[in-house]
C-alpha atoms as a PDB file:
ATOM      1  CA  PRO A   1     144.538 112.257  47.759  1.00  0.00           C
ATOM      2  CA  PRO A   2     144.809 114.699  44.857  1.00  0.00           C
ATOM      3  CA  ARG A   3     145.556 111.975  42.267  1.00  0.00           C
ATOM      4  CA  GLY A   4     143.273 109.149  43.503  1.00  0.00           C
ATOM      5  CA  SER A   5     140.947 107.320  41.062  1.00  0.00           C
ATOM      6  CA  TYR A   6     138.380 104.543  41.059  1.00  0.00           C
ATOM      7  CA  GLN A   7     137.460 102.036  38.398  1.00  0.00           C
ATOM      8  CA  LEU A   8     134.138 100.215  38.345  1.00  0.00           C
ATOM      9  CA  ILE A   9     133.601  97.142  36.182  1.00  0.00           C
ATOM     10  CA  VAL A  10     129.955  96.142  35.737  1.00  0.00           C
ATOM     11  CA  ARG A  11     129.302  92.559  34.649  1.00  0.00           C
ATOM     12  CA  LYS A  12     125.577  92.406  35.215  1.00  0.00           C
ATOM     13  CA  ILE A  13     122.723  94.823  35.808  1.00  0.00           C
ATOM     14  CA  GLU A  14     119.310  93.809  37.118  1.00  0.00           C
ATOM     15  CA  PRO A  15     116.185  95.886  37.562  1.00  0.00           C
ATOM     16  CA  MET A  16     115.752  97.345  41.023  1.00  0.00           C
ATOM     17  CA  GLY A  17     113.173  95.593  43.194  1.00  0.00           C
ATOM     18  CA  LEU A  18     112.416  91.938  42.506  1.00  0.00           C
ATOM     19  CA  GLY A  19     115.338  89.773  41.521  1.00  0.00           C
ATOM     20  CA  ALA A  20     115.248  87.957  38.206  1.00  0.00           C
ATOM     21  CA  LEU A  21     114.423  84.568  39.778  1.00  0.00           C
ATOM     22  CA  GLN A  22     111.632  85.947  41.941  1.00  0.00           C
ATOM     23  CA  LEU A  23     110.147  87.713  38.937  1.00  0.00           C
ATOM     24  CA  ALA A  24     110.356  84.517  36.856  1.00  0.00           C
ATOM     25  CA  PHE A  25     108.697  82.591  39.713  1.00  0.00           C
ATOM     26  CA  GLN A  26     105.817  85.069  39.894  1.00  0.00           C
ATOM     27  CA  GLN A  27     105.291  85.114  36.131  1.00  0.00           C
ATOM     28  CA  LEU A  28     105.227  81.308  35.817  1.00  0.00           C
ATOM     29  CA  HIS A  29     103.042  81.025  38.920  1.00  0.00           C
ATOM     30  CA  SER A  30     100.522  83.430  37.360  1.00  0.00           C
ATOM     31  CA  LYS A  31     100.538  81.538  34.062  1.00  0.00           C
ATOM     32  CA  LEU A  32     100.033  78.112  35.689  1.00  0.00           C
ATOM     33  CA  THR A  33      97.401  79.463  38.094  1.00  0.00           C
ATOM     34  CA  ALA A  34      95.438  80.794  35.131  1.00  0.00           C
ATOM     35  CA  GLU A  35      95.598  77.299  33.586  1.00  0.00           C
ATOM     36  CA  GLY A  36      94.234  75.795  36.830  1.00  0.00           C
ATOM     37  CA  LEU A  37      97.234  73.620  37.685  1.00  0.00           C
ATOM     38  CA  PHE A  38      97.178  74.499  41.395  1.00  0.00           C
ATOM     39  CA  GLU A  39      93.434  74.057  41.968  1.00  0.00           C
ATOM     40  CA  GLN A  40      92.379  71.836  44.849  1.00  0.00           C
ATOM     41  CA  SER A  41      89.929  69.994  42.566  1.00  0.00           C
ATOM     42  CA  HIS A  42      92.898  68.339  40.811  1.00  0.00           C
ATOM     43  CA  LYS A  43      94.423  66.967  44.022  1.00  0.00           C
ATOM     44  CA  GLN A  44      94.274  63.195  44.539  1.00  0.00           C
ATOM     45  CA  PRO A  45      93.948  61.619  47.973  1.00  0.00           C
ATOM     46  CA  LEU A  46      96.876  59.587  49.239  1.00  0.00           C
ATOM     47  CA  PRO A  47      96.423  55.891  50.010  1.00  0.00           C
ATOM     48  CA  THR A  48      96.082  54.990  53.685  1.00  0.00           C
ATOM     49  CA  CYS A  49      98.722  52.244  53.712  1.00  0.00           C
ATOM     50  CA  PRO A  50     100.916  52.506  50.608  1.00  0.00           C
ATOM     51  CA  GLN A  51     103.030  49.453  49.814  1.00  0.00           C
ATOM     52  CA  ARG A  52     104.999  50.695  46.758  1.00  0.00           C
ATOM     53  CA  ILE A  53     106.513  54.127  47.199  1.00  0.00           C
ATOM     54  CA  GLY A  54     108.581  55.875  44.550  1.00  0.00           C
ATOM     55  CA  VAL A  55     111.086  58.576  45.450  1.00  0.00           C
ATOM     56  CA  VAL A  56     112.462  60.989  42.855  1.00  0.00           C
ATOM     57  CA  THR A  57     115.660  62.451  44.285  1.00  0.00           C
ATOM     58  CA  SER A  58     119.424  62.280  44.363  1.00  0.00           C
ATOM     59  CA  PRO A  59     120.366  58.819  45.645  1.00  0.00           C
ATOM     60  CA  THR A  60     123.345  60.243  47.545  1.00  0.00           C
ATOM     61  CA  GLY A  61     121.617  63.117  49.358  1.00  0.00           C
ATOM     62  CA  ALA A  62     120.689  63.289  53.022  1.00  0.00           C
ATOM     63  CA  ALA A  63     117.015  63.777  52.068  1.00  0.00           C
ATOM     64  CA  VAL A  64     116.597  60.227  50.797  1.00  0.00           C
ATOM     65  CA  ARG A  65     118.362  58.770  53.850  1.00  0.00           C
ATOM     66  CA  ASP A  66     116.181  60.754  56.267  1.00  0.00           C
ATOM     67  CA  PHE A  67     113.039  59.823  54.349  1.00  0.00           C
ATOM     68  CA  TYR A  68     113.962  56.152  54.230  1.00  0.00           C
ATOM     69  CA  GLU A  69     114.873  55.897  57.929  1.00  0.00           C
ATOM     70  CA  VAL A  70     111.578  57.423  59.079  1.00  0.00           C
ATOM     71  CA  LEU A  71     109.623  55.302  56.620  1.00  0.00           C
ATOM     72  CA  ARG A  72     111.316  52.064  57.750  1.00  0.00           C
ATOM     73  CA  ARG A  73     110.598  52.874  61.400  1.00  0.00           C
ATOM     74  CA  ARG A  74     106.939  53.673  60.764  1.00  0.00           C
ATOM     75  CA  TRP A  75     105.953  51.218  58.013  1.00  0.00           C
ATOM     76  CA  PRO A  76     108.705  48.635  57.411  1.00  0.00           C
ATOM     77  CA  THR A  77     106.742  46.549  54.900  1.00  0.00           C
ATOM     78  CA  ALA A  78     106.671  49.288  52.255  1.00  0.00           C
ATOM     79  CA  GLU A  79     108.785  48.811  49.151  1.00  0.00           C
ATOM     80  CA  VAL A  80     110.754  51.954  48.293  1.00  0.00           C
ATOM     81  CA  LEU A  81     112.009  52.535  44.754  1.00  0.00           C
ATOM     82  CA  VAL A  82     114.397  55.428  44.151  1.00  0.00           C
ATOM     83  CA  PHE A  83     114.356  57.137  40.750  1.00  0.00           C
ATOM     84  CA  PRO A  84     117.765  58.823  40.709  1.00  0.00           C
ATOM     85  CA  CYS A  85     118.269  62.279  39.264  1.00  0.00           C
ATOM     86  CA  ARG A  86     120.143  65.483  39.909  1.00  0.00           C
ATOM     87  CA  VAL A  87     118.185  67.862  42.142  1.00  0.00           C
ATOM     88  CA  GLN A  88     119.993  71.089  41.362  1.00  0.00           C
ATOM     89  CA  GLY A  89     121.957  72.689  38.590  1.00  0.00           C
ATOM     90  CA  GLU A  90     121.844  72.779  34.812  1.00  0.00           C
ATOM     91  CA  GLY A  91     119.630  70.059  33.351  1.00  0.00           C
ATOM     92  CA  ALA A  92     118.226  68.900  36.698  1.00  0.00           C
ATOM     93  CA  SER A  93     114.659  69.916  35.859  1.00  0.00           C
ATOM     94  CA  LYS A  94     114.625  67.676  32.778  1.00  0.00           C
ATOM     95  CA  GLU A  95     116.049  64.766  34.785  1.00  0.00           C
ATOM     96  CA  ILE A  96     113.399  65.237  37.491  1.00  0.00           C
ATOM     97  CA  ALA A  97     110.588  65.358  34.918  1.00  0.00           C
ATOM     98  CA  GLU A  98     111.932  62.222  33.194  1.00  0.00           C
ATOM     99  CA  ALA A  99     112.200  60.404  36.534  1.00  0.00           C
ATOM    100  CA  ILE A 100     108.555  61.289  37.292  1.00  0.00           C
ATOM    101  CA  LYS A 101     107.494  59.945  33.884  1.00  0.00           C
ATOM    102  CA  MET A 102     109.558  56.780  34.384  1.00  0.00           C
ATOM    103  CA  ALA A 103     107.933  56.217  37.773  1.00  0.00           C
ATOM    104  CA  GLU A 104     104.529  56.583  36.125  1.00  0.00           C
ATOM    105  CA  ARG A 105     105.313  53.786  33.647  1.00  0.00           C
ATOM    106  CA  LEU A 106     106.426  51.317  36.328  1.00  0.00           C
ATOM    107  CA  GLN A 107     104.458  48.054  36.553  1.00  0.00           C
ATOM    108  CA  PRO A 108     103.081  47.112  38.961  1.00  0.00           C
ATOM    109  CA  SER A 109     102.288  50.734  39.586  1.00  0.00           C
ATOM    110  CA  LEU A 110     103.318  52.804  42.559  1.00  0.00           C
ATOM    111  CA  ASP A 111     100.888  53.744  45.319  1.00  0.00           C
ATOM    112  CA  VAL A 112     102.489  57.151  45.849  1.00  0.00           C
ATOM    113  CA  LEU A 113     105.368  59.165  44.378  1.00  0.00           C
ATOM    114  CA  VAL A 114     107.529  61.523  46.462  1.00  0.00           C
ATOM    115  CA  VAL A 115     109.699  64.220  44.876  1.00  0.00           C
ATOM    116  CA  THR A 116     112.217  65.434  47.427  1.00  0.00           C
ATOM    117  CA  ARG A 117     115.511  67.097  48.267  1.00  0.00           C
ATOM    118  CA  GLY A 118     116.955  68.879  51.269  1.00  0.00           C
ATOM    119  CA  GLY A 119     117.174  72.619  51.758  1.00  0.00           C
ATOM    120  CA  GLY A 120     119.158  75.167  49.862  1.00  0.00           C
ATOM    121  CA  SER A 121     119.104  78.611  48.373  1.00  0.00           C
ATOM    122  CA  LEU A 122     116.509  79.805  45.865  1.00  0.00           C
ATOM    123  CA  GLU A 123     119.045  79.054  43.148  1.00  0.00           C
ATOM    124  CA  ASP A 124     119.667  75.520  44.493  1.00  0.00           C
ATOM    125  CA  LEU A 125     115.943  74.736  44.530  1.00  0.00           C
ATOM    126  CA  TRP A 126     115.161  76.484  41.256  1.00  0.00           C
ATOM    127  CA  CYS A 127     114.772  73.306  39.176  1.00  0.00           C
ATOM    128  CA  PHE A 128     111.580  72.570  41.163  1.00  0.00           C
ATOM    129  CA  ASN A 129     110.147  75.832  39.811  1.00  0.00           C
ATOM    130  CA  GLU A 130     110.720  74.854  36.186  1.00  0.00           C
ATOM    131  CA  GLU A 131     107.628  74.371  34.053  1.00  0.00           C
ATOM    132  CA  VAL A 132     108.700  70.902  32.865  1.00  0.00           C
ATOM    133  CA  VAL A 133     108.722  69.593  36.461  1.00  0.00           C
ATOM    134  CA  VAL A 134     105.423  71.240  37.383  1.00  0.00           C
ATOM    135  CA  ARG A 135     103.693  69.806  34.314  1.00  0.00           C
ATOM    136  CA  ALA A 136     105.118  66.313  34.921  1.00  0.00           C
ATOM    137  CA  LEU A 137     103.759  66.361  38.484  1.00  0.00           C
ATOM    138  CA  PHE A 138     100.397  67.664  37.309  1.00  0.00           C
ATOM    139  CA  ALA A 139     100.123  64.906  34.695  1.00  0.00           C
ATOM    140  CA  ALA A 140     101.008  62.125  37.139  1.00  0.00           C
ATOM    141  CA  GLN A 141      98.248  59.583  37.643  1.00  0.00           C
ATOM    142  CA  VAL A 142      99.757  58.305  40.889  1.00  0.00           C
ATOM    143  CA  PRO A 143      99.272  60.550  43.954  1.00  0.00           C
ATOM    144  CA  THR A 144     102.276  62.839  44.429  1.00  0.00           C
ATOM    145  CA  VAL A 145     104.021  64.373  47.421  1.00  0.00           C
ATOM    146  CA  SER A 146     106.470  67.247  47.173  1.00  0.00           C
ATOM    147  CA  ALA A 147     108.983  67.625  49.993  1.00  0.00           C
ATOM    148  CA  ILE A 148     111.425  70.253  48.777  1.00  0.00           C
ATOM    149  CA  GLY A 149     113.810  72.026  51.103  1.00  0.00           C
ATOM    150  CA  HIS A 150     112.813  73.168  54.557  1.00  0.00           C
ATOM    151  CA  GLU A 151     109.644  74.660  56.020  1.00  0.00           C
ATOM    152  CA  ILE A 152     110.182  78.146  54.617  1.00  0.00           C
ATOM    153  CA  ASP A 153     110.959  76.984  51.077  1.00  0.00           C
ATOM    154  CA  VAL A 154     107.994  76.930  48.691  1.00  0.00           C
ATOM    155  CA  THR A 155     108.373  75.839  45.087  1.00  0.00           C
ATOM    156  CA  LEU A 156     105.889  75.494  42.251  1.00  0.00           C
ATOM    157  CA  ALA A 157     106.338  71.712  42.591  1.00  0.00           C
ATOM    158  CA  ASP A 158     104.993  72.032  46.150  1.00  0.00           C
ATOM    159  CA  LEU A 159     101.927  73.877  44.888  1.00  0.00           C
ATOM    160  CA  VAL A 160     101.029  71.398  42.145  1.00  0.00           C
ATOM    161  CA  ALA A 161     101.661  68.153  44.060  1.00  0.00           C
ATOM    162  CA  ASP A 162      98.751  66.408  45.728  1.00  0.00           C
ATOM    163  CA  LEU A 163     100.415  66.958  49.116  1.00  0.00           C
ATOM    164  CA  ARG A 164     103.140  69.343  50.239  1.00  0.00           C
ATOM    165  CA  ALA A 165     105.347  68.129  53.053  1.00  0.00           C
ATOM    166  CA  LEU A 166     107.529  70.675  54.814  1.00  0.00           C
ATOM    167  CA  THR A 167     110.601  68.420  54.829  1.00  0.00           C
ATOM    168  CA  PRO A 168     111.605  64.979  53.516  1.00  0.00           C
ATOM    169  CA  THR A 169     111.167  63.586  57.038  1.00  0.00           C
ATOM    170  CA  GLU A 170     107.644  64.976  57.280  1.00  0.00           C
ATOM    171  CA  ALA A 171     106.825  63.389  53.916  1.00  0.00           C
ATOM    172  CA  ALA A 172     107.586  59.939  55.331  1.00  0.00           C
ATOM    173  CA  GLU A 173     105.543  60.698  58.451  1.00  0.00           C
ATOM    174  CA  ARG A 174     102.537  61.842  56.433  1.00  0.00           C
ATOM    175  CA  ILE A 175     102.362  59.132  53.785  1.00  0.00           C
ATOM    176  CA  VAL A 176     102.540  56.042  55.991  1.00  0.00           C
ATOM    177  CA  PRO A 177     100.951  55.250  59.339  1.00  0.00           C
ATOM    178  CA  ALA A 178     103.030  54.047  62.267  1.00  0.00           C
ATOM    179  CA  VAL A 179     102.762  50.289  62.731  1.00  0.00           C
ATOM    180  CA  SER A 180     102.036  50.869  66.421  1.00  0.00           C
ATOM    181  CA  GLU A 181      99.038  53.051  65.527  1.00  0.00           C
ATOM    182  CA  VAL A 182      97.641  50.422  63.174  1.00  0.00           C
ATOM    183  CA  LYS A 183      98.063  47.664  65.775  1.00  0.00           C
END
């Protein structure tokens, strides 16, 4: 129409191409790769039959329930200790790193430590790409397993852990043998 008009309100502008999170991921990945944090030579082997298993996750999420159910079916004698923390949102990365450090101080010590949560968007999983979490996993003396999201999700925590499991369920399957196999 002769008197029509449009108004455009811009609240945010990002560079064309990579999004801000993907760019931040690539920059931190390059920095930590240069420091050698992802090198295979730093990876620890997992114990064959772990008896004390720590799990850093949200105690109310489906990931911990799935992990626990598979673990109980396969290796019911294992003791599972949950180190509760938020697994997404503001401040979650610091809580995850603190939970990892707390698990490290536990006596008697753990045989293996699993950091896990279910799937989500890049933004939901972002706390597992934070430098504080990656460095806490790298510094861990106990063997670590990262089981973040689903098969297609890859975080920096996955790359630094001693073992990457595709899902929380697969983490349980890979860290303990089935009793029937051992018998």
